[in-house]
Amino acid sequence: MTLADLAAIGGFISSLAVLASLALVLRQMHQTDRNQRALIIQGAMARDTAIVGMLQQPEFVSAWSRAIAGETTPTTIDTLHMSVVLRGLVGSLQETLLQKKQGLIDQVTVDYVELGVHTFLAQPTMRAIWTVVQQAYPRDTVALVDSIIAKVPLAAPVDLATVMKGLLEPDAVG
């Protein structure tokens, strides 16, 4: 074997090593992309969990239960509590939709976040609060929320205690 033959074999092995390195780099890039998407989805769920954490405050639970029961005279404190939660929901929806537009988040997560916003905006009290606070939002955000309100029907008043009692009591007929 001549030196030229050895150089050719060395060049071939070197080319294979470069290809193997490229394949490994591509695999690592794919894994990094998956990890980043998972973190973005986790962030969306963390935002939602933080909002649910606000809902656990006794003052908010009281305000929310009155709102879904159809009471139309919220106190100033009730209005402030619900407007803070509404702000969190709207902000979360905006961020989630932006991430979806950029291909960074899946439709399941978008649907989950939108459902929370729809649930709140189905309540007459939340819609009234929106008309008061919308001036603090950019036009695009106002248009987004208004489009949701146009699609989501108003919720009927619900007394959760009565609903739960009906679900938990044995059927008198059966």
C-alpha atoms as a PDB file:
ATOM      1  CA  MET A   1       0.000   0.000   0.000  1.00  0.00           C
ATOM      2  CA  THR A   2       1.327   3.343  -0.937  1.00  0.00           C
ATOM      3  CA  LEU A   3       1.127   6.552   0.986  1.00  0.00           C
ATOM      4  CA  ALA A   4      -1.452   7.826  -1.466  1.00  0.00           C
ATOM      5  CA  ASP A   5      -3.646   4.782  -0.727  1.00  0.00           C
ATOM      6  CA  LEU A   6      -3.334   5.371   3.019  1.00  0.00           C
ATOM      7  CA  ALA A   7      -4.191   9.050   2.543  1.00  0.00           C
ATOM      8  CA  ALA A   8      -7.276   8.077   0.535  1.00  0.00           C
ATOM      9  CA  ILE A   9      -8.389   5.614   3.252  1.00  0.00           C
ATOM     10  CA  GLY A  10      -7.727   8.276   5.895  1.00  0.00           C
ATOM     11  CA  GLY A  11      -9.771  10.801   3.927  1.00  0.00           C
ATOM     12  CA  PHE A  12     -12.613   8.297   3.600  1.00  0.00           C
ATOM     13  CA  ILE A  13     -12.579   7.536   7.338  1.00  0.00           C
ATOM     14  CA  SER A  14     -12.442  11.239   8.053  1.00  0.00           C
ATOM     15  CA  SER A  15     -15.486  11.805   5.840  1.00  0.00           C
ATOM     16  CA  LEU A  16     -17.379   9.066   7.691  1.00  0.00           C
ATOM     17  CA  ALA A  17     -16.458  10.669  11.018  1.00  0.00           C
ATOM     18  CA  VAL A  18     -17.745  14.046   9.801  1.00  0.00           C
ATOM     19  CA  LEU A  19     -21.031  12.434   8.671  1.00  0.00           C
ATOM     20  CA  ALA A  20     -21.390  10.657  12.018  1.00  0.00           C
ATOM     21  CA  SER A  21     -20.747  13.948  13.835  1.00  0.00           C
ATOM     22  CA  LEU A  22     -23.352  15.728  11.725  1.00  0.00           C
ATOM     23  CA  ALA A  23     -25.874  12.969  12.415  1.00  0.00           C
ATOM     24  CA  LEU A  24     -25.197  13.291  16.151  1.00  0.00           C
ATOM     25  CA  VAL A  25     -25.521  17.087  16.034  1.00  0.00           C
ATOM     26  CA  LEU A  26     -28.829  16.814  14.143  1.00  0.00           C
ATOM     27  CA  ARG A  27     -30.111  14.315  16.707  1.00  0.00           C
ATOM     28  CA  GLN A  28     -29.102  16.623  19.556  1.00  0.00           C
ATOM     29  CA  MET A  29     -30.758  19.593  17.830  1.00  0.00           C
ATOM     30  CA  HIS A  30     -33.972  17.595  17.459  1.00  0.00           C
ATOM     31  CA  GLN A  31     -33.876  16.627  21.136  1.00  0.00           C
ATOM     32  CA  THR A  32     -33.197  20.246  22.159  1.00  0.00           C
ATOM     33  CA  ASP A  33     -36.158  21.387  20.057  1.00  0.00           C
ATOM     34  CA  ARG A  34     -38.415  18.806  21.748  1.00  0.00           C
ATOM     35  CA  ASN A  35     -37.170  19.841  25.173  1.00  0.00           C
ATOM     36  CA  GLN A  36     -37.810  23.519  24.440  1.00  0.00           C
ATOM     37  CA  ARG A  37     -41.334  22.774  23.242  1.00  0.00           C
ATOM     38  CA  ALA A  38     -41.962  20.752  26.394  1.00  0.00           C
ATOM     39  CA  LEU A  39     -40.749  23.664  28.522  1.00  0.00           C
ATOM     40  CA  ILE A  40     -43.012  26.088  26.654  1.00  0.00           C
ATOM     41  CA  ILE A  41     -46.019  23.830  27.228  1.00  0.00           C
ATOM     42  CA  GLN A  42     -44.988  23.431  30.855  1.00  0.00           C
ATOM     43  CA  GLY A  43     -44.852  27.228  31.123  1.00  0.00           C
ATOM     44  CA  ALA A  44     -48.399  27.510  29.772  1.00  0.00           C
ATOM     45  CA  MET A  45     -49.595  24.978  32.320  1.00  0.00           C
ATOM     46  CA  ALA A  46     -47.685  26.777  35.088  1.00  0.00           C
ATOM     47  CA  ARG A  47     -49.462  30.031  34.190  1.00  0.00           C
ATOM     48  CA  ASP A  48     -52.784  28.230  34.350  1.00  0.00           C
ATOM     49  CA  THR A  49     -51.882  26.654  37.692  1.00  0.00           C
ATOM     50  CA  ALA A  50     -50.959  30.080  39.060  1.00  0.00           C
ATOM     51  CA  ILE A  51     -54.341  31.420  38.001  1.00  0.00           C
ATOM     52  CA  VAL A  52     -56.074  28.448  39.601  1.00  0.00           C
ATOM     53  CA  GLY A  53     -54.055  29.252  42.732  1.00  0.00           C
ATOM     54  CA  MET A  54     -55.619  32.705  42.761  1.00  0.00           C
ATOM     55  CA  LEU A  55     -59.026  31.090  42.498  1.00  0.00           C
ATOM     56  CA  GLN A  56     -58.430  29.314  45.797  1.00  0.00           C
ATOM     57  CA  GLN A  57     -58.402  32.539  47.762  1.00  0.00           C
ATOM     58  CA  PRO A  58     -61.560  32.707  49.907  1.00  0.00           C
ATOM     59  CA  GLU A  59     -62.410  36.205  48.678  1.00  0.00           C
ATOM     60  CA  PHE A  60     -62.248  35.141  45.062  1.00  0.00           C
ATOM     61  CA  VAL A  61     -64.166  31.907  45.642  1.00  0.00           C
ATOM     62  CA  SER A  62     -66.894  33.949  47.264  1.00  0.00           C
ATOM     63  CA  ALA A  63     -66.966  36.482  44.413  1.00  0.00           C
ATOM     64  CA  TRP A  64     -66.870  33.781  41.744  1.00  0.00           C
ATOM     65  CA  SER A  65     -69.630  31.686  43.329  1.00  0.00           C
ATOM     66  CA  ARG A  66     -71.868  34.754  43.453  1.00  0.00           C
ATOM     67  CA  ALA A  67     -71.031  35.584  39.840  1.00  0.00           C
ATOM     68  CA  ILE A  68     -71.896  32.115  38.516  1.00  0.00           C
ATOM     69  CA  ALA A  69     -75.061  32.115  40.632  1.00  0.00           C
ATOM     70  CA  GLY A  70     -76.185  35.110  38.583  1.00  0.00           C
ATOM     71  CA  GLU A  71     -75.711  37.916  41.089  1.00  0.00           C
ATOM     72  CA  THR A  72     -75.207  41.146  39.207  1.00  0.00           C
ATOM     73  CA  THR A  73     -74.039  43.424  42.012  1.00  0.00           C
ATOM     74  CA  PRO A  74     -70.380  42.597  42.637  1.00  0.00           C
ATOM     75  CA  THR A  75     -68.558  44.628  45.248  1.00  0.00           C
ATOM     76  CA  THR A  76     -65.509  46.682  44.357  1.00  0.00           C
ATOM     77  CA  ILE A  77     -63.322  43.996  45.933  1.00  0.00           C
ATOM     78  CA  ASP A  78     -65.114  41.277  43.932  1.00  0.00           C
ATOM     79  CA  THR A  79     -64.548  43.252  40.758  1.00  0.00           C
ATOM     80  CA  LEU A  80     -60.861  43.730  41.537  1.00  0.00           C
ATOM     81  CA  HIS A  81     -60.369  40.027  42.280  1.00  0.00           C
ATOM     82  CA  MET A  82     -62.071  38.952  39.092  1.00  0.00           C
ATOM     83  CA  SER A  83     -60.325  41.567  36.949  1.00  0.00           C
ATOM     84  CA  VAL A  84     -56.926  40.302  38.161  1.00  0.00           C
ATOM     85  CA  VAL A  85     -57.846  36.759  37.197  1.00  0.00           C
ATOM     86  CA  LEU A  86     -59.235  37.976  33.864  1.00  0.00           C
ATOM     87  CA  ARG A  87     -55.969  39.801  33.191  1.00  0.00           C
ATOM     88  CA  GLY A  88     -54.018  36.617  33.895  1.00  0.00           C
ATOM     89  CA  LEU A  89     -56.267  34.576  31.626  1.00  0.00           C
ATOM     90  CA  VAL A  90     -56.126  37.059  28.762  1.00  0.00           C
ATOM     91  CA  GLY A  91     -52.342  37.385  29.069  1.00  0.00           C
ATOM     92  CA  SER A  92     -51.959  33.624  29.101  1.00  0.00           C
ATOM     93  CA  LEU A  93     -54.173  33.291  26.033  1.00  0.00           C
ATOM     94  CA  GLN A  94     -52.203  35.955  24.150  1.00  0.00           C
ATOM     95  CA  GLU A  95     -48.903  34.271  24.917  1.00  0.00           C
ATOM     96  CA  THR A  96     -50.236  30.836  24.031  1.00  0.00           C
ATOM     97  CA  LEU A  97     -51.626  32.029  20.691  1.00  0.00           C
ATOM     98  CA  LEU A  98     -48.337  33.743  19.862  1.00  0.00           C
ATOM     99  CA  GLN A  99     -46.438  30.558  20.661  1.00  0.00           C
ATOM    100  CA  LYS A 100     -48.853  28.565  18.481  1.00  0.00           C
ATOM    101  CA  LYS A 101     -48.379  31.039  15.617  1.00  0.00           C
ATOM    102  CA  GLN A 102     -44.617  30.528  15.882  1.00  0.00           C
ATOM    103  CA  GLY A 103     -45.054  26.756  15.899  1.00  0.00           C
ATOM    104  CA  LEU A 104     -43.813  26.393  19.461  1.00  0.00           C
ATOM    105  CA  ILE A 105     -46.903  24.993  21.141  1.00  0.00           C
ATOM    106  CA  ASP A 106     -49.510  22.374  20.276  1.00  0.00           C
ATOM    107  CA  GLN A 107     -53.224  22.831  19.621  1.00  0.00           C
ATOM    108  CA  VAL A 108     -54.211  20.803  22.705  1.00  0.00           C
ATOM    109  CA  THR A 109     -52.553  23.396  24.942  1.00  0.00           C
ATOM    110  CA  VAL A 110     -54.166  26.262  23.021  1.00  0.00           C
ATOM    111  CA  ASP A 111     -57.585  24.602  23.379  1.00  0.00           C
ATOM    112  CA  TYR A 112     -57.022  24.133  27.112  1.00  0.00           C
ATOM    113  CA  VAL A 113     -56.120  27.783  27.664  1.00  0.00           C
ATOM    114  CA  GLU A 114     -58.992  29.003  25.458  1.00  0.00           C
ATOM    115  CA  LEU A 115     -61.483  26.882  27.400  1.00  0.00           C
ATOM    116  CA  GLY A 116     -60.529  28.647  30.621  1.00  0.00           C
ATOM    117  CA  VAL A 117     -61.026  32.038  29.009  1.00  0.00           C
ATOM    118  CA  HIS A 118     -64.358  30.949  27.512  1.00  0.00           C
ATOM    119  CA  THR A 119     -65.553  29.708  30.903  1.00  0.00           C
ATOM    120  CA  PHE A 120     -64.892  33.084  32.489  1.00  0.00           C
ATOM    121  CA  LEU A 121     -66.204  35.173  29.625  1.00  0.00           C
ATOM    122  CA  ALA A 122     -69.467  33.220  29.597  1.00  0.00           C
ATOM    123  CA  GLN A 123     -70.331  34.927  32.881  1.00  0.00           C
ATOM    124  CA  PRO A 124     -72.215  38.243  32.631  1.00  0.00           C
ATOM    125  CA  THR A 125     -70.149  39.692  35.489  1.00  0.00           C
ATOM    126  CA  MET A 126     -66.875  38.949  33.690  1.00  0.00           C
ATOM    127  CA  ARG A 127     -68.173  40.540  30.512  1.00  0.00           C
ATOM    128  CA  ALA A 128     -69.156  43.648  32.456  1.00  0.00           C
ATOM    129  CA  ILE A 129     -65.691  43.747  34.019  1.00  0.00           C
ATOM    130  CA  TRP A 130     -64.171  43.389  30.549  1.00  0.00           C
ATOM    131  CA  THR A 131     -66.021  46.469  29.316  1.00  0.00           C
ATOM    132  CA  VAL A 132     -64.461  48.420  32.188  1.00  0.00           C
ATOM    133  CA  VAL A 133     -60.885  47.107  31.958  1.00  0.00           C
ATOM    134  CA  GLN A 134     -60.493  46.705  28.196  1.00  0.00           C
ATOM    135  CA  GLN A 135     -59.132  50.223  27.839  1.00  0.00           C
ATOM    136  CA  ALA A 136     -55.921  48.985  29.490  1.00  0.00           C
ATOM    137  CA  TYR A 137     -55.273  46.513  26.652  1.00  0.00           C
ATOM    138  CA  PRO A 138     -53.887  46.884  23.127  1.00  0.00           C
ATOM    139  CA  ARG A 139     -56.414  46.953  20.268  1.00  0.00           C
ATOM    140  CA  ASP A 140     -55.472  43.457  19.117  1.00  0.00           C
ATOM    141  CA  THR A 141     -56.171  42.072  22.568  1.00  0.00           C
ATOM    142  CA  VAL A 142     -59.517  43.852  22.759  1.00  0.00           C
ATOM    143  CA  ALA A 143     -60.435  42.457  19.339  1.00  0.00           C
ATOM    144  CA  LEU A 144     -59.414  38.941  20.436  1.00  0.00           C
ATOM    145  CA  VAL A 145     -61.471  39.044  23.634  1.00  0.00           C
ATOM    146  CA  ASP A 146     -64.425  40.653  21.857  1.00  0.00           C
ATOM    147  CA  SER A 147     -64.344  37.868  19.253  1.00  0.00           C
ATOM    148  CA  ILE A 148     -64.439  35.285  22.044  1.00  0.00           C
ATOM    149  CA  ILE A 149     -67.368  37.070  23.692  1.00  0.00           C
ATOM    150  CA  ALA A 150     -69.195  37.083  20.344  1.00  0.00           C
ATOM    151  CA  LYS A 151     -68.776  33.294  20.058  1.00  0.00           C
ATOM    152  CA  VAL A 152     -69.395  32.228  23.655  1.00  0.00           C
ATOM    153  CA  PRO A 153     -72.999  32.220  24.829  1.00  0.00           C
ATOM    154  CA  LEU A 154     -73.850  33.643  28.227  1.00  0.00           C
ATOM    155  CA  ALA A 155     -73.902  31.037  30.968  1.00  0.00           C
ATOM    156  CA  ALA A 156     -77.104  30.429  32.860  1.00  0.00           C
ATOM    157  CA  PRO A 157     -76.930  31.076  36.610  1.00  0.00           C
ATOM    158  CA  VAL A 158     -75.791  28.017  38.567  1.00  0.00           C
ATOM    159  CA  ASP A 159     -75.993  27.250  42.269  1.00  0.00           C
ATOM    160  CA  LEU A 160     -73.134  24.777  42.630  1.00  0.00           C
ATOM    161  CA  ALA A 161     -74.329  23.520  46.026  1.00  0.00           C
ATOM    162  CA  THR A 162     -77.699  22.565  44.523  1.00  0.00           C
ATOM    163  CA  VAL A 163     -76.039  20.934  41.516  1.00  0.00           C
ATOM    164  CA  MET A 164     -73.692  18.905  43.734  1.00  0.00           C
ATOM    165  CA  LYS A 165     -76.518  17.898  46.047  1.00  0.00           C
ATOM    166  CA  GLY A 166     -78.485  16.639  43.051  1.00  0.00           C
ATOM    167  CA  LEU A 167     -75.469  14.675  41.804  1.00  0.00           C
ATOM    168  CA  LEU A 168     -74.593  13.149  45.161  1.00  0.00           C
ATOM    169  CA  GLU A 169     -78.042  12.191  46.488  1.00  0.00           C
ATOM    170  CA  PRO A 170     -79.316   8.759  45.532  1.00  0.00           C
ATOM    171  CA  ASP A 171     -82.072   8.757  42.955  1.00  0.00           C
ATOM    172  CA  ALA A 172     -85.427   8.654  44.743  1.00  0.00           C
ATOM    173  CA  VAL A 173     -86.948   6.584  41.905  1.00  0.00           C
ATOM    174  CA  GLY A 174     -84.360   3.883  41.641  1.00  0.00           C
END
